[in-house]
Amino acid sequence: MNSFRTLSYQEWSEAESKVIRTILEQTVSDEELFVRKLVNATVIRNQCFEHTSHESEDGQRQFIYMKPFQEMELQPYGSPIKHALFEYCDIAPVLAADWHYWERGQFNRREPLRPAYQTLELAQLLLDHYYVERGHTYEHVYSVLDLDRRKVNLFLKGVDV
């Protein structure tokens, strides 16, 4: 049986060393909670926030602390990630994955290396730093959950074997 938890997205200010606002609060399943805590960033209302940390309170209330995504802090991938995130506006009926591959200085959305049809399968994908499929190795560079589109965006870079 799946249980549910309250998840609160909090904007954290490094300069002030405190939470400056609650961005969003939702009730989510345990399975979806795994995905939400494993991604590097989350898009909420068309704004991307990088995760800085997460915690739980009494095993029930869950918190993800975040700050606005700064493209310059993630060179050379920051700007191409942000561009790829807002290039499409399709919405999935259930949580799904979009696969983006690094090619010639940009990320291009293509077919998945591995299909993931269940939320826990998405979480398992997020646990790996590398994927080896059909003789090719790909490094997992970054991941972003877009809550509006219900998409986990996986950003990958081919690795020379």
C-alpha atoms as a PDB file:
ATOM      1  CA  MET A   1       0.000   0.000   0.000  1.00  0.00           C
ATOM      2  CA  ASN A   2       1.335   3.400  -0.992  1.00  0.00           C
ATOM      3  CA  SER A   3       1.474   6.060   1.696  1.00  0.00           C
ATOM      4  CA  PHE A   4       1.541   9.824   1.222  1.00  0.00           C
ATOM      5  CA  ARG A   5       3.623  12.597   2.729  1.00  0.00           C
ATOM      6  CA  THR A   6       3.468  16.376   2.779  1.00  0.00           C
ATOM      7  CA  LEU A   7       6.313  17.855   0.739  1.00  0.00           C
ATOM      8  CA  SER A   8       7.251  21.495   1.057  1.00  0.00           C
ATOM      9  CA  TYR A   9       9.530  23.288  -1.414  1.00  0.00           C
ATOM     10  CA  GLN A  10      11.406  26.033   0.433  1.00  0.00           C
ATOM     11  CA  GLU A  11      13.535  28.777  -1.101  1.00  0.00           C
ATOM     12  CA  TRP A  12      16.774  28.977   0.845  1.00  0.00           C
ATOM     13  CA  SER A  13      18.946  32.086   1.013  1.00  0.00           C
ATOM     14  CA  GLU A  14      22.654  31.361   1.480  1.00  0.00           C
ATOM     15  CA  ALA A  15      23.312  35.016   2.257  1.00  0.00           C
ATOM     16  CA  GLU A  16      20.730  35.044   5.072  1.00  0.00           C
ATOM     17  CA  SER A  17      21.185  31.370   6.064  1.00  0.00           C
ATOM     18  CA  LYS A  18      17.435  30.836   6.245  1.00  0.00           C
ATOM     19  CA  VAL A  19      14.268  29.979   4.364  1.00  0.00           C
ATOM     20  CA  ILE A  20      12.883  33.102   2.720  1.00  0.00           C
ATOM     21  CA  ARG A  21       9.620  31.651   1.379  1.00  0.00           C
ATOM     22  CA  THR A  22       7.598  28.535   0.765  1.00  0.00           C
ATOM     23  CA  ILE A  23       7.379  28.018  -2.991  1.00  0.00           C
ATOM     24  CA  LEU A  24       4.949  25.094  -3.026  1.00  0.00           C
ATOM     25  CA  GLU A  25       3.462  22.514  -0.673  1.00  0.00           C
ATOM     26  CA  GLN A  26       1.880  19.272  -1.907  1.00  0.00           C
ATOM     27  CA  THR A  27       0.923  15.813  -0.771  1.00  0.00           C
ATOM     28  CA  VAL A  28       2.829  13.165  -2.743  1.00  0.00           C
ATOM     29  CA  SER A  29       3.156   9.396  -2.736  1.00  0.00           C
ATOM     30  CA  ASP A  30       6.297   7.820  -1.289  1.00  0.00           C
ATOM     31  CA  GLU A  31       7.287   6.671  -4.778  1.00  0.00           C
ATOM     32  CA  GLU A  32       7.023  10.166  -6.224  1.00  0.00           C
ATOM     33  CA  LEU A  33       8.845  11.568  -3.194  1.00  0.00           C
ATOM     34  CA  PHE A  34      11.886   9.467  -4.163  1.00  0.00           C
ATOM     35  CA  VAL A  35      11.919  10.988  -7.636  1.00  0.00           C
ATOM     36  CA  ARG A  36      11.433  14.514  -6.330  1.00  0.00           C
ATOM     37  CA  LYS A  37      14.348  14.213  -3.921  1.00  0.00           C
ATOM     38  CA  LEU A  38      16.682  12.524  -6.410  1.00  0.00           C
ATOM     39  CA  VAL A  39      16.533  15.138  -9.176  1.00  0.00           C
ATOM     40  CA  ASN A  40      19.008  18.025  -9.157  1.00  0.00           C
ATOM     41  CA  ALA A  41      16.392  20.706  -9.789  1.00  0.00           C
ATOM     42  CA  THR A  42      12.650  21.322 -10.156  1.00  0.00           C
ATOM     43  CA  VAL A  43      10.633  23.581 -12.437  1.00  0.00           C
ATOM     44  CA  ILE A  44       7.682  25.163 -10.621  1.00  0.00           C
ATOM     45  CA  ARG A  45       5.424  27.601 -12.472  1.00  0.00           C
ATOM     46  CA  ASN A  46       7.965  27.974 -15.307  1.00  0.00           C
ATOM     47  CA  GLN A  47      10.840  28.810 -12.965  1.00  0.00           C
ATOM     48  CA  CYS A  48      13.728  26.417 -12.424  1.00  0.00           C
ATOM     49  CA  PHE A  49      15.094  25.931  -8.903  1.00  0.00           C
ATOM     50  CA  GLU A  50      18.259  24.012  -8.039  1.00  0.00           C
ATOM     51  CA  HIS A  51      18.028  21.740  -5.012  1.00  0.00           C
ATOM     52  CA  THR A  52      20.474  22.582  -2.247  1.00  0.00           C
ATOM     53  CA  SER A  53      19.379  19.935   0.292  1.00  0.00           C
ATOM     54  CA  HIS A  54      16.406  18.024   1.625  1.00  0.00           C
ATOM     55  CA  GLU A  55      15.237  16.669   4.955  1.00  0.00           C
ATOM     56  CA  SER A  56      12.354  15.003   6.723  1.00  0.00           C
ATOM     57  CA  GLU A  57      10.640  15.911   9.970  1.00  0.00           C
ATOM     58  CA  ASP A  58       9.345  13.018  12.086  1.00  0.00           C
ATOM     59  CA  GLY A  59       9.311  10.875   8.942  1.00  0.00           C
ATOM     60  CA  GLN A  60       6.161  12.607   7.723  1.00  0.00           C
ATOM     61  CA  ARG A  61       6.790  16.181   6.621  1.00  0.00           C
ATOM     62  CA  GLN A  62       9.368  16.410   3.857  1.00  0.00           C
ATOM     63  CA  PHE A  63      11.336  19.477   2.765  1.00  0.00           C
ATOM     64  CA  ILE A  64      13.335  20.316  -0.340  1.00  0.00           C
ATOM     65  CA  TYR A  65      15.456  23.437  -0.033  1.00  0.00           C
ATOM     66  CA  MET A  66      16.213  25.225  -3.259  1.00  0.00           C
ATOM     67  CA  LYS A  67      17.535  28.354  -4.887  1.00  0.00           C
ATOM     68  CA  PRO A  68      16.921  29.857  -8.326  1.00  0.00           C
ATOM     69  CA  PHE A  69      18.815  27.933 -11.014  1.00  0.00           C
ATOM     70  CA  GLN A  70      21.939  29.853 -12.013  1.00  0.00           C
ATOM     71  CA  GLU A  71      23.078  28.908 -15.506  1.00  0.00           C
ATOM     72  CA  MET A  72      26.580  30.257 -14.919  1.00  0.00           C
ATOM     73  CA  GLU A  73      27.180  27.894 -11.966  1.00  0.00           C
ATOM     74  CA  LEU A  74      26.834  24.809 -14.165  1.00  0.00           C
ATOM     75  CA  GLN A  75      29.191  25.451 -17.069  1.00  0.00           C
ATOM     76  CA  PRO A  76      29.141  24.393 -19.863  1.00  0.00           C
ATOM     77  CA  TYR A  77      25.709  22.795 -19.381  1.00  0.00           C
ATOM     78  CA  GLY A  78      23.654  25.461 -17.551  1.00  0.00           C
ATOM     79  CA  SER A  79      22.402  27.531 -20.464  1.00  0.00           C
ATOM     80  CA  PRO A  80      21.747  24.506 -22.742  1.00  0.00           C
ATOM     81  CA  ILE A  81      19.825  22.785 -19.910  1.00  0.00           C
ATOM     82  CA  LYS A  82      17.635  25.833 -19.363  1.00  0.00           C
ATOM     83  CA  HIS A  83      17.003  26.149 -23.105  1.00  0.00           C
ATOM     84  CA  ALA A  84      16.059  22.452 -23.421  1.00  0.00           C
ATOM     85  CA  LEU A  85      13.709  22.660 -20.429  1.00  0.00           C
ATOM     86  CA  PHE A  86      11.526  25.304 -22.030  1.00  0.00           C
ATOM     87  CA  GLU A  87      11.741  24.122 -25.647  1.00  0.00           C
ATOM     88  CA  TYR A  88       8.735  21.771 -25.369  1.00  0.00           C
ATOM     89  CA  CYS A  89       5.350  22.220 -23.732  1.00  0.00           C
ATOM     90  CA  ASP A  90       3.875  18.708 -23.888  1.00  0.00           C
ATOM     91  CA  ILE A  91       2.244  17.422 -20.707  1.00  0.00           C
ATOM     92  CA  ALA A  92       2.330  13.801 -19.583  1.00  0.00           C
ATOM     93  CA  PRO A  93      -0.752  12.242 -17.960  1.00  0.00           C
ATOM     94  CA  VAL A  94       1.519  10.466 -15.453  1.00  0.00           C
ATOM     95  CA  LEU A  95       5.105  11.095 -14.437  1.00  0.00           C
ATOM     96  CA  ALA A  96       7.333  10.361 -17.462  1.00  0.00           C
ATOM     97  CA  ALA A  97      10.899  10.968 -18.661  1.00  0.00           C
ATOM     98  CA  ASP A  98      12.368  13.102 -21.436  1.00  0.00           C
ATOM     99  CA  TRP A  99      15.886  12.161 -22.526  1.00  0.00           C
ATOM    100  CA  HIS A 100      18.249  14.917 -23.668  1.00  0.00           C
ATOM    101  CA  TYR A 101      21.656  14.111 -25.196  1.00  0.00           C
ATOM    102  CA  TRP A 102      24.661  16.451 -25.356  1.00  0.00           C
ATOM    103  CA  GLU A 103      25.600  17.052 -28.996  1.00  0.00           C
ATOM    104  CA  ARG A 104      27.697  19.911 -30.398  1.00  0.00           C
ATOM    105  CA  GLY A 105      27.228  22.208 -27.401  1.00  0.00           C
ATOM    106  CA  GLN A 106      23.503  21.680 -26.842  1.00  0.00           C
ATOM    107  CA  PHE A 107      21.052  19.117 -25.483  1.00  0.00           C
ATOM    108  CA  ASN A 108      18.744  17.438 -27.979  1.00  0.00           C
ATOM    109  CA  ARG A 109      15.654  15.471 -26.964  1.00  0.00           C
ATOM    110  CA  ARG A 110      15.702  11.951 -28.421  1.00  0.00           C
ATOM    111  CA  GLU A 111      14.484   8.440 -27.801  1.00  0.00           C
ATOM    112  CA  PRO A 112      15.062   7.003 -24.317  1.00  0.00           C
ATOM    113  CA  LEU A 113      17.921   4.639 -23.607  1.00  0.00           C
ATOM    114  CA  ARG A 114      15.584   2.734 -21.298  1.00  0.00           C
ATOM    115  CA  PRO A 115      11.847   3.179 -21.140  1.00  0.00           C
ATOM    116  CA  ALA A 116      10.501   3.917 -17.661  1.00  0.00           C
ATOM    117  CA  TYR A 117       6.790   3.401 -17.201  1.00  0.00           C
ATOM    118  CA  GLN A 118       6.485   3.439 -13.425  1.00  0.00           C
ATOM    119  CA  THR A 119       7.536   6.046 -10.882  1.00  0.00           C
ATOM    120  CA  LEU A 120       9.981   3.677  -9.174  1.00  0.00           C
ATOM    121  CA  GLU A 121      11.617   2.950 -12.548  1.00  0.00           C
ATOM    122  CA  LEU A 122      12.223   6.691 -12.900  1.00  0.00           C
ATOM    123  CA  ALA A 123      13.759   6.767  -9.425  1.00  0.00           C
ATOM    124  CA  GLN A 124      16.045   3.870 -10.362  1.00  0.00           C
ATOM    125  CA  LEU A 125      17.238   5.781 -13.431  1.00  0.00           C
ATOM    126  CA  LEU A 126      18.122   8.748 -11.228  1.00  0.00           C
ATOM    127  CA  LEU A 127      20.316   6.589  -8.992  1.00  0.00           C
ATOM    128  CA  ASP A 128      22.815   5.824 -11.764  1.00  0.00           C
ATOM    129  CA  HIS A 129      25.695   8.118 -12.728  1.00  0.00           C
ATOM    130  CA  TYR A 130      26.317   6.160 -15.941  1.00  0.00           C
ATOM    131  CA  TYR A 131      24.160   4.158 -18.331  1.00  0.00           C
ATOM    132  CA  VAL A 132      25.618   1.531 -20.634  1.00  0.00           C
ATOM    133  CA  GLU A 133      23.273   0.594 -23.459  1.00  0.00           C
ATOM    134  CA  ARG A 134      23.993  -1.199 -26.720  1.00  0.00           C
ATOM    135  CA  GLY A 135      27.755  -0.796 -26.281  1.00  0.00           C
ATOM    136  CA  HIS A 136      27.623   2.966 -25.588  1.00  0.00           C
ATOM    137  CA  THR A 137      28.240   4.664 -22.246  1.00  0.00           C
ATOM    138  CA  TYR A 138      26.382   7.817 -21.214  1.00  0.00           C
ATOM    139  CA  GLU A 139      27.090  10.005 -18.213  1.00  0.00           C
ATOM    140  CA  HIS A 140      24.099  11.354 -16.294  1.00  0.00           C
ATOM    141  CA  VAL A 141      24.981  15.075 -16.204  1.00  0.00           C
ATOM    142  CA  TYR A 142      21.862  16.606 -14.582  1.00  0.00           C
ATOM    143  CA  SER A 143      18.175  15.942 -13.955  1.00  0.00           C
ATOM    144  CA  VAL A 144      15.220  18.291 -13.631  1.00  0.00           C
ATOM    145  CA  LEU A 145      11.628  17.530 -12.686  1.00  0.00           C
ATOM    146  CA  ASP A 146       9.150  19.814 -14.436  1.00  0.00           C
ATOM    147  CA  LEU A 147       6.053  19.732 -12.227  1.00  0.00           C
ATOM    148  CA  ASP A 148       3.909  21.576 -14.777  1.00  0.00           C
ATOM    149  CA  ARG A 149       4.691  19.076 -17.563  1.00  0.00           C
ATOM    150  CA  ARG A 150       4.992  16.023 -15.241  1.00  0.00           C
ATOM    151  CA  LYS A 151       8.337  15.215 -16.859  1.00  0.00           C
ATOM    152  CA  VAL A 152      11.675  14.139 -15.452  1.00  0.00           C
ATOM    153  CA  ASN A 153      14.281  15.598 -17.803  1.00  0.00           C
ATOM    154  CA  LEU A 154      17.445  13.508 -17.959  1.00  0.00           C
ATOM    155  CA  PHE A 155      20.510  15.225 -19.407  1.00  0.00           C
ATOM    156  CA  LEU A 156      23.149  12.825 -20.716  1.00  0.00           C
ATOM    157  CA  LYS A 157      26.563  13.057 -22.316  1.00  0.00           C
ATOM    158  CA  GLY A 158      28.158  10.284 -24.344  1.00  0.00           C
ATOM    159  CA  VAL A 159      31.447   8.993 -22.918  1.00  0.00           C
ATOM    160  CA  ASP A 160      34.246   7.745 -25.175  1.00  0.00           C
ATOM    161  CA  VAL A 161      34.922   4.118 -24.364  1.00  0.00           C
END
